[in-house]
């Protein structure tokens, strides 16, 4: 009984450690993510490799199999993404679990290698824009059918079109409107963060805190109010207390059995 309890304790602490590194959506609307992203693609994460894990960051490289291009052009069937995950000075983070399908918001990041990121690719490298990806499901499919300004382009060297349906011109009569991109630097100059917090706070709360973006004229651009939860250490303390109680009960039970065996032996 005691061994089983200790095993459960180890499993619990492993789960707690995983929760401390989980990624929470920053609450930016789908349309805003699209309008501020140079490249928007749909595809499956087929490989994920963590290369940096610390108290403030959790970064990984991803190989993404692209099935459709919603925005942008000249995207290969298989692309490499780096600097995904939880990054210092970023409001949003990414998870991109292997085997799952996502809508990912990207930007190109040159072809040169960098000693900080162990990626030895000679093709174009991509990295996420400061937005959380969208996991693809039935609700996402419905959202795409009501979203304007999207294309349905197959990636380069692809012979079939497996793009999900998007809003048609009948649904979007003004689909030819200008949807030019605001670069990350330009957007940063136009807004300031009223309360910008990291999604990963190893010493305090591991969930995303409230976030507000206010433009220079004072109007609210984005508002995400995701309630903070108890930190991992508090949960761990409760678990330890519970385990101690269980161990004491199991110990008393075993001692009772031993005493009963002793009585019966006489």
Foldseek 3Di string as FASTA:
>chain_A
DLVVLVVVLVVLVVVQVVLLQDFDFLFDDPQVLVLAFQWKFKFAFADWAWDDDDQQWTWIKTWTQTQWTFHHAQAARIAIETRAGFDPPFQGGEDRDHPFMWIFGKDWDDQDDDPVTPDDGRDIYIYGDSGYIGTDDPVVLVVQCQDALTDTDGHPPDDDGPGRDHHDCVNVVVSVDDSDHDHPVNVPVFKDWPDGDGCRRNPFFNHRAWTWIAGPVGHTDGTDHDDTDGHSVVVSVVSVVVSVVVVVVVVVVVVVVVVVVVVVVD
